[in-house]
Structure formats: structure tokens, C-alpha cells
């Protein structure tokens, strides 16, 4: 089969939607948009929770390091 033998059928233009069909199509589109917004909001909240957990872990680590350093410094200063 040659490429010249293959003919593409032109797409027929769709007739305009009736008012009820347009309403349904609009509702379907809004549902899709709302689902996308919901998933974006959930992801944003997950990211914020992860960042907050990381901040807490870092602050606890830094605070623990500070206690060890100050305890060691006071211990060596007291014996000298």
C-alpha cells in the first residue's frame, strides 16, 4: 500500500451544543477543575507538613547539639 493510496477523511465539524448539553459539559469541566484544585491543595498541605516536621527535627538536633557543647564546656571549665 502506498502513502498516496491512503486518504485522510476530513473531520466533520461538530454541531453546536444545545443548552442542556452545554450545561452538562460545563459541569463536567468544573468537576475536573475542582478535582485538580483539590489534589493541588492536598499536595500543598502535605508539603507544608513535611517542611514543618523537618524544621522540628532540625531545631531539636541543633538544640541537642547546643546542650552537649555547653555541658562539655562547663564540665572542663569546672575542673580547671
C-alpha atoms as a PDB file:
ATOM      1  CA  UNK A   1       0.000   0.000   0.000  1.00  0.00           C
ATOM      2  CA  UNK A   2       1.360   3.340  -0.972  1.00  0.00           C
ATOM      3  CA  UNK A   3       1.011   6.516   1.006  1.00  0.00           C
ATOM      4  CA  UNK A   4      -0.778   8.056  -1.934  1.00  0.00           C
ATOM      5  CA  UNK A   5      -3.462   5.390  -1.601  1.00  0.00           C
ATOM      6  CA  UNK A   6      -4.243   6.349   1.972  1.00  0.00           C
ATOM      7  CA  UNK A   7      -6.623   9.212   2.160  1.00  0.00           C
ATOM      8  CA  UNK A   8      -7.455  11.066   5.318  1.00  0.00           C
ATOM      9  CA  UNK A   9     -11.071  11.692   5.922  1.00  0.00           C
ATOM     10  CA  UNK A  10     -11.703  15.270   6.954  1.00  0.00           C
ATOM     11  CA  UNK A  11     -13.283  15.629  10.377  1.00  0.00           C
ATOM     12  CA  UNK A  12     -16.833  16.761  10.309  1.00  0.00           C
ATOM     13  CA  UNK A  13     -17.409  19.885  12.343  1.00  0.00           C
ATOM     14  CA  UNK A  14     -19.452  19.233  15.459  1.00  0.00           C
ATOM     15  CA  UNK A  15     -22.764  20.972  15.635  1.00  0.00           C
ATOM     16  CA  UNK A  16     -23.152  23.499  18.451  1.00  0.00           C
ATOM     17  CA  UNK A  17     -24.319  22.098  21.764  1.00  0.00           C
ATOM     18  CA  UNK A  18     -27.860  22.563  22.892  1.00  0.00           C
ATOM     19  CA  UNK A  19     -28.374  24.486  26.119  1.00  0.00           C
ATOM     20  CA  UNK A  20     -28.807  21.347  28.283  1.00  0.00           C
ATOM     21  CA  UNK A  21     -25.771  19.733  26.640  1.00  0.00           C
ATOM     22  CA  UNK A  22     -23.740  22.883  27.235  1.00  0.00           C
ATOM     23  CA  UNK A  23     -24.753  22.898  30.924  1.00  0.00           C
ATOM     24  CA  UNK A  24     -23.682  19.286  31.338  1.00  0.00           C
ATOM     25  CA  UNK A  25     -20.389  19.922  29.532  1.00  0.00           C
ATOM     26  CA  UNK A  26     -19.730  22.936  31.761  1.00  0.00           C
ATOM     27  CA  UNK A  27     -20.474  20.932  34.902  1.00  0.00           C
ATOM     28  CA  UNK A  28     -18.118  18.164  33.781  1.00  0.00           C
ATOM     29  CA  UNK A  29     -15.366  20.706  33.150  1.00  0.00           C
ATOM     30  CA  UNK A  30     -15.902  22.308  36.559  1.00  0.00           C
ATOM     31  CA  UNK A  31     -15.734  18.879  38.203  1.00  0.00           C
ATOM     32  CA  UNK A  32     -12.388  18.240  36.528  1.00  0.00           C
ATOM     33  CA  UNK A  33     -11.076  21.664  37.586  1.00  0.00           C
ATOM     34  CA  UNK A  34     -12.268  21.153  41.167  1.00  0.00           C
ATOM     35  CA  UNK A  35     -10.631  17.732  41.347  1.00  0.00           C
ATOM     36  CA  UNK A  36      -7.377  19.221  40.130  1.00  0.00           C
ATOM     37  CA  UNK A  37      -7.578  22.069  42.664  1.00  0.00           C
ATOM     38  CA  UNK A  38      -8.326  19.590  45.429  1.00  0.00           C
ATOM     39  CA  UNK A  39      -5.332  17.434  44.571  1.00  0.00           C
ATOM     40  CA  UNK A  40      -3.112  20.545  44.401  1.00  0.00           C
ATOM     41  CA  UNK A  41      -4.347  21.709  47.813  1.00  0.00           C
ATOM     42  CA  UNK A  42      -3.739  18.284  49.331  1.00  0.00           C
ATOM     43  CA  UNK A  43      -0.216  18.232  47.926  1.00  0.00           C
ATOM     44  CA  UNK A  44       0.430  21.743  49.265  1.00  0.00           C
ATOM     45  CA  UNK A  45      -0.707  20.704  52.738  1.00  0.00           C
ATOM     46  CA  UNK A  46       1.425  17.540  52.618  1.00  0.00           C
ATOM     47  CA  UNK A  47       4.451  19.600  51.609  1.00  0.00           C
ATOM     48  CA  UNK A  48       3.815  22.060  54.463  1.00  0.00           C
ATOM     49  CA  UNK A  49       3.544  19.198  56.983  1.00  0.00           C
ATOM     50  CA  UNK A  50       6.804  17.670  55.727  1.00  0.00           C
ATOM     51  CA  UNK A  51       8.583  21.028  55.941  1.00  0.00           C
ATOM     52  CA  UNK A  52       7.273  21.587  59.476  1.00  0.00           C
ATOM     53  CA  UNK A  53       8.463  18.127  60.523  1.00  0.00           C
ATOM     54  CA  UNK A  54      11.888  18.836  59.020  1.00  0.00           C
ATOM     55  CA  UNK A  55      12.046  22.164  60.875  1.00  0.00           C
ATOM     56  CA  UNK A  56      11.207  20.454  64.168  1.00  0.00           C
ATOM     57  CA  UNK A  57      13.817  17.764  63.593  1.00  0.00           C
ATOM     58  CA  UNK A  58      16.465  20.373  62.742  1.00  0.00           C
ATOM     59  CA  UNK A  59      15.608  22.561  65.738  1.00  0.00           C
ATOM     60  CA  UNK A  60      15.701  19.551  68.077  1.00  0.00           C
ATOM     61  CA  UNK A  61      19.047  18.490  66.634  1.00  0.00           C
ATOM     62  CA  UNK A  62      20.526  21.977  66.945  1.00  0.00           C
ATOM     63  CA  UNK A  63      19.187  22.331  70.496  1.00  0.00           C
ATOM     64  CA  UNK A  64      20.621  18.930  71.425  1.00  0.00           C
ATOM     65  CA  UNK A  65      23.991  19.864  69.930  1.00  0.00           C
ATOM     66  CA  UNK A  66      23.978  23.115  71.894  1.00  0.00           C
ATOM     67  CA  UNK A  67      23.322  21.250  75.163  1.00  0.00           C
ATOM     68  CA  UNK A  68      26.177  18.835  74.524  1.00  0.00           C
ATOM     69  CA  UNK A  69      28.619  21.610  73.700  1.00  0.00           C
ATOM     70  CA  UNK A  70      27.651  23.775  76.680  1.00  0.00           C
ATOM     71  CA  UNK A  71      27.676  20.790  79.055  1.00  0.00           C
ATOM     72  CA  UNK A  72      31.131  19.766  77.873  1.00  0.00           C
ATOM     73  CA  UNK A  73      32.423  23.345  78.153  1.00  0.00           C
ATOM     74  CA  UNK A  74      31.087  23.791  81.681  1.00  0.00           C
ATOM     75  CA  UNK A  75      32.467  20.413  82.715  1.00  0.00           C
ATOM     76  CA  UNK A  76      36.012  21.200  81.512  1.00  0.00           C
ATOM     77  CA  UNK A  77      35.851  24.764  82.924  1.00  0.00           C
ATOM     78  CA  UNK A  78      34.817  23.496  86.349  1.00  0.00           C
ATOM     79  CA  UNK A  79      37.702  21.011  86.611  1.00  0.00           C
ATOM     80  CA  UNK A  80      40.376  23.516  85.581  1.00  0.00           C
END
